Amino acid sequence: MEFNFIGHNLEIIYENLVKKFIPLTQTKSNLQELVNTHKTKIKLEKEINKLKSQISKEVQLNRRIELNQQLRKLEKEYSDYL
């Protein structure tokens, strides 16, 4: 990964550095918005994985159906961020 430390002030250099490490799927002009979106995506990924684990361990059918509904909702929310 190559990066130029050229900029008019430290804020611009910092923003460029952060944008290199956070995968950009959408063009966000505001750095804070970009970071918040990335944090939300990571949180959703963790919740999705946790739900998948719970579903595989659950024995009761009605509870599995409930968990699957929650999973679909989270997956849809996650896909909105992509």
N, C-alpha and C. Protein backbone atom coordinates (compact mmCIF):
# COMPACT_ATOMS: atom_id res chain seq x y z
N MET A 1 0.84 -1.16 0.00
CA MET A 1 0.00 0.00 0.00
C MET A 1 0.90 1.24 0.00
N GLU A 2 0.60 2.14 -0.88
CA GLU A 2 1.40 3.35 -1.01
C GLU A 2 0.59 4.55 -0.54
N PHE A 3 1.25 5.47 0.15
CA PHE A 3 0.55 6.63 0.66
C PHE A 3 1.47 7.84 0.64
N ASN A 4 0.92 8.95 0.16
CA ASN A 4 1.67 10.20 0.15
C ASN A 4 1.24 11.04 1.35
N PHE A 5 2.20 11.55 2.08
CA PHE A 5 1.92 12.39 3.23
C PHE A 5 1.96 13.87 2.82
N ILE A 6 1.27 14.16 1.74
CA ILE A 6 1.23 15.52 1.23
C ILE A 6 -0.16 16.08 1.50
N GLY A 7 -0.19 17.26 2.10
CA GLY A 7 -1.47 17.91 2.39
C GLY A 7 -1.22 19.26 3.01
N HIS A 8 -2.27 20.04 3.05
CA HIS A 8 -2.12 21.40 3.58
C HIS A 8 -2.11 21.44 5.10
N ASN A 9 -2.75 20.48 5.72
CA ASN A 9 -2.73 20.42 7.18
C ASN A 9 -2.88 18.96 7.63
N LEU A 10 -2.74 18.74 8.93
CA LEU A 10 -2.77 17.38 9.46
C LEU A 10 -4.13 16.73 9.30
N GLU A 11 -5.20 17.52 9.32
CA GLU A 11 -6.54 16.95 9.18
C GLU A 11 -6.72 16.28 7.82
N ILE A 12 -6.25 16.91 6.78
CA ILE A 12 -6.36 16.34 5.43
C ILE A 12 -5.51 15.08 5.33
N ILE A 13 -4.30 15.11 5.88
CA ILE A 13 -3.42 13.94 5.86
C ILE A 13 -4.07 12.79 6.63
N TYR A 14 -4.66 13.09 7.79
CA TYR A 14 -5.33 12.07 8.62
C TYR A 14 -6.51 11.46 7.87
N GLU A 15 -7.34 12.28 7.25
CA GLU A 15 -8.50 11.79 6.49
C GLU A 15 -8.05 10.86 5.37
N ASN A 16 -7.01 11.25 4.66
CA ASN A 16 -6.52 10.41 3.56
C ASN A 16 -5.98 9.08 4.08
N LEU A 17 -5.33 9.12 5.23
CA LEU A 17 -4.80 7.90 5.83
C LEU A 17 -5.93 6.96 6.25
N VAL A 18 -6.95 7.50 6.89
CA VAL A 18 -8.09 6.69 7.33
C VAL A 18 -8.82 6.10 6.13
N LYS A 19 -8.99 6.88 5.08
CA LYS A 19 -9.70 6.40 3.89
C LYS A 19 -8.94 5.27 3.20
N LYS A 20 -7.63 5.19 3.39
CA LYS A 20 -6.85 4.10 2.82
C LYS A 20 -7.14 2.77 3.52
N PHE A 21 -7.41 2.84 4.83
CA PHE A 21 -7.58 1.62 5.61
C PHE A 21 -9.02 1.16 5.72
N ILE A 22 -9.98 2.04 5.54
CA ILE A 22 -11.39 1.66 5.58
C ILE A 22 -11.84 1.44 4.15
N PRO A 23 -12.33 0.23 3.85
CA PRO A 23 -12.77 -0.04 2.47
C PRO A 23 -13.94 0.86 2.10
N LEU A 24 -13.81 1.52 0.98
CA LEU A 24 -14.84 2.46 0.54
C LEU A 24 -15.80 1.76 -0.41
N THR A 25 -17.05 1.65 0.01
CA THR A 25 -18.07 1.12 -0.88
C THR A 25 -18.97 2.26 -1.35
N GLN A 26 -18.97 3.31 -0.57
CA GLN A 26 -19.73 4.50 -0.93
C GLN A 26 -18.79 5.68 -0.78
N THR A 27 -19.01 6.72 -1.54
CA THR A 27 -18.17 7.89 -1.39
C THR A 27 -18.79 8.79 -0.34
N LYS A 28 -18.12 8.90 0.76
CA LYS A 28 -18.56 9.75 1.87
C LYS A 28 -17.62 10.95 1.92
N SER A 29 -18.20 12.12 1.99
CA SER A 29 -17.36 13.31 2.05
C SER A 29 -16.91 13.59 3.48
N ASN A 30 -17.72 13.19 4.44
CA ASN A 30 -17.43 13.46 5.83
C ASN A 30 -16.72 12.27 6.46
N LEU A 31 -15.58 12.52 7.08
CA LEU A 31 -14.79 11.45 7.68
C LEU A 31 -15.56 10.77 8.80
N GLN A 32 -16.24 11.53 9.64
CA GLN A 32 -16.99 10.97 10.76
C GLN A 32 -18.10 10.03 10.26
N GLU A 33 -18.76 10.42 9.19
CA GLU A 33 -19.81 9.59 8.61
C GLU A 33 -19.22 8.28 8.08
N LEU A 34 -18.06 8.35 7.47
CA LEU A 34 -17.39 7.17 6.94
C LEU A 34 -17.03 6.21 8.07
N VAL A 35 -16.47 6.73 9.14
CA VAL A 35 -16.06 5.90 10.28
C VAL A 35 -17.29 5.28 10.95
N ASN A 36 -18.35 6.07 11.13
CA ASN A 36 -19.57 5.55 11.76
C ASN A 36 -20.19 4.43 10.93
N THR A 37 -20.20 4.59 9.62
CA THR A 37 -20.74 3.56 8.74
C THR A 37 -19.93 2.27 8.87
N HIS A 38 -18.62 2.41 8.92
CA HIS A 38 -17.75 1.24 9.05
C HIS A 38 -17.99 0.53 10.39
N LYS A 39 -18.12 1.29 11.46
CA LYS A 39 -18.37 0.70 12.78
C LYS A 39 -19.71 -0.03 12.79
N THR A 40 -20.72 0.55 12.17
CA THR A 40 -22.04 -0.07 12.12
C THR A 40 -21.98 -1.38 11.34
N LYS A 41 -21.26 -1.40 10.24
CA LYS A 41 -21.11 -2.62 9.44
C LYS A 41 -20.45 -3.73 10.25
N ILE A 42 -19.41 -3.38 10.99
CA ILE A 42 -18.71 -4.37 11.80
C ILE A 42 -19.63 -4.92 12.89
N LYS A 43 -20.39 -4.03 13.52
CA LYS A 43 -21.32 -4.44 14.57
C LYS A 43 -22.38 -5.39 13.99
N LEU A 44 -22.92 -5.06 12.82
CA LEU A 44 -23.92 -5.91 12.19
C LEU A 44 -23.34 -7.28 11.83
N GLU A 45 -22.12 -7.31 11.34
CA GLU A 45 -21.47 -8.58 11.00
C GLU A 45 -21.37 -9.48 12.24
N LYS A 46 -20.99 -8.88 13.37
CA LYS A 46 -20.87 -9.66 14.60
C LYS A 46 -22.23 -10.20 15.05
N GLU A 47 -23.25 -9.37 14.96
CA GLU A 47 -24.59 -9.80 15.36
C GLU A 47 -25.11 -10.91 14.45
N ILE A 48 -24.84 -10.79 13.16
CA ILE A 48 -25.26 -11.81 12.20
C ILE A 48 -24.57 -13.14 12.51
N ASN A 49 -23.28 -13.10 12.76
CA ASN A 49 -22.55 -14.33 13.08
C ASN A 49 -23.04 -14.96 14.38
N LYS A 50 -23.35 -14.12 15.36
CA LYS A 50 -23.86 -14.61 16.63
C LYS A 50 -25.22 -15.28 16.44
N LEU A 51 -26.08 -14.67 15.65
CA LEU A 51 -27.40 -15.25 15.39
C LEU A 51 -27.28 -16.58 14.64
N LYS A 52 -26.40 -16.65 13.68
CA LYS A 52 -26.20 -17.89 12.93
C LYS A 52 -25.76 -19.01 13.86
N SER A 53 -24.90 -18.68 14.80
CA SER A 53 -24.44 -19.65 15.77
C SER A 53 -25.60 -20.11 16.66
N GLN A 54 -26.41 -19.17 17.10
CA GLN A 54 -27.56 -19.51 17.94
C GLN A 54 -28.55 -20.39 17.19
N ILE A 55 -28.76 -20.10 15.94
CA ILE A 55 -29.70 -20.88 15.13
C ILE A 55 -29.22 -22.33 15.01
N SER A 56 -27.94 -22.49 14.78
CA SER A 56 -27.42 -23.86 14.61
C SER A 56 -27.49 -24.66 15.91
N LYS A 57 -27.48 -23.99 17.04
CA LYS A 57 -27.52 -24.68 18.33
C LYS A 57 -28.95 -24.87 18.86
N GLU A 58 -29.87 -24.10 18.34
CA GLU A 58 -31.25 -24.13 18.85
C GLU A 58 -31.97 -25.42 18.46
N VAL A 59 -32.71 -25.97 19.40
CA VAL A 59 -33.42 -27.22 19.19
C VAL A 59 -34.89 -26.97 18.86
N GLN A 60 -35.48 -25.99 19.50
CA GLN A 60 -36.91 -25.72 19.33
C GLN A 60 -37.18 -25.04 17.99
N LEU A 61 -38.11 -25.59 17.26
CA LEU A 61 -38.43 -25.09 15.93
C LEU A 61 -38.96 -23.66 15.96
N ASN A 62 -39.90 -23.37 16.86
CA ASN A 62 -40.45 -22.00 16.90
C ASN A 62 -39.39 -20.97 17.25
N ARG A 63 -38.45 -21.33 18.08
CA ARG A 63 -37.36 -20.40 18.44
C ARG A 63 -36.42 -20.21 17.25
N ARG A 64 -36.17 -21.28 16.50
CA ARG A 64 -35.32 -21.18 15.30
C ARG A 64 -35.95 -20.28 14.26
N ILE A 65 -37.27 -20.39 14.10
CA ILE A 65 -37.97 -19.53 13.15
C ILE A 65 -37.84 -18.07 13.56
N GLU A 66 -38.01 -17.82 14.85
CA GLU A 66 -37.85 -16.47 15.39
C GLU A 66 -36.45 -15.91 15.11
N LEU A 67 -35.46 -16.72 15.38
CA LEU A 67 -34.07 -16.30 15.16
C LEU A 67 -33.79 -16.07 13.68
N ASN A 68 -34.37 -16.90 12.82
CA ASN A 68 -34.18 -16.72 11.38
C ASN A 68 -34.80 -15.42 10.89
N GLN A 69 -35.93 -15.04 11.47
CA GLN A 69 -36.55 -13.77 11.11
C GLN A 69 -35.65 -12.60 11.51
N GLN A 70 -35.08 -12.70 12.69
CA GLN A 70 -34.15 -11.66 13.13
C GLN A 70 -32.92 -11.60 12.23
N LEU A 71 -32.45 -12.78 11.83
CA LEU A 71 -31.29 -12.86 10.96
C LEU A 71 -31.56 -12.20 9.61
N ARG A 72 -32.71 -12.49 9.02
CA ARG A 72 -33.06 -11.87 7.74
C ARG A 72 -33.13 -10.35 7.86
N LYS A 73 -33.68 -9.88 8.95
CA LYS A 73 -33.77 -8.43 9.17
C LYS A 73 -32.38 -7.80 9.24
N LEU A 74 -31.48 -8.43 10.00
CA LEU A 74 -30.11 -7.91 10.11
C LEU A 74 -29.36 -7.99 8.78
N GLU A 75 -29.56 -9.07 8.04
CA GLU A 75 -28.89 -9.20 6.74
C GLU A 75 -29.37 -8.15 5.76
N LYS A 76 -30.65 -7.82 5.81
CA LYS A 76 -31.17 -6.76 4.95
C LYS A 76 -30.57 -5.41 5.34
N GLU A 77 -30.51 -5.16 6.64
CA GLU A 77 -29.91 -3.92 7.12
C GLU A 77 -28.44 -3.82 6.71
N TYR A 78 -27.74 -4.95 6.80
CA TYR A 78 -26.33 -4.99 6.42
C TYR A 78 -26.17 -4.73 4.91
N SER A 79 -27.03 -5.31 4.12
CA SER A 79 -26.93 -5.13 2.66
C SER A 79 -27.19 -3.67 2.26
N ASP A 80 -27.92 -2.93 3.07
CA ASP A 80 -28.15 -1.51 2.79
C ASP A 80 -26.87 -0.70 2.92
N TYR A 81 -25.92 -1.20 3.72
CA TYR A 81 -24.64 -0.50 3.90
C TYR A 81 -23.63 -0.84 2.81
N LEU A 82 -23.90 -1.88 2.04
CA LEU A 82 -22.96 -2.28 0.98
C LEU A 82 -23.11 -1.47 -0.25
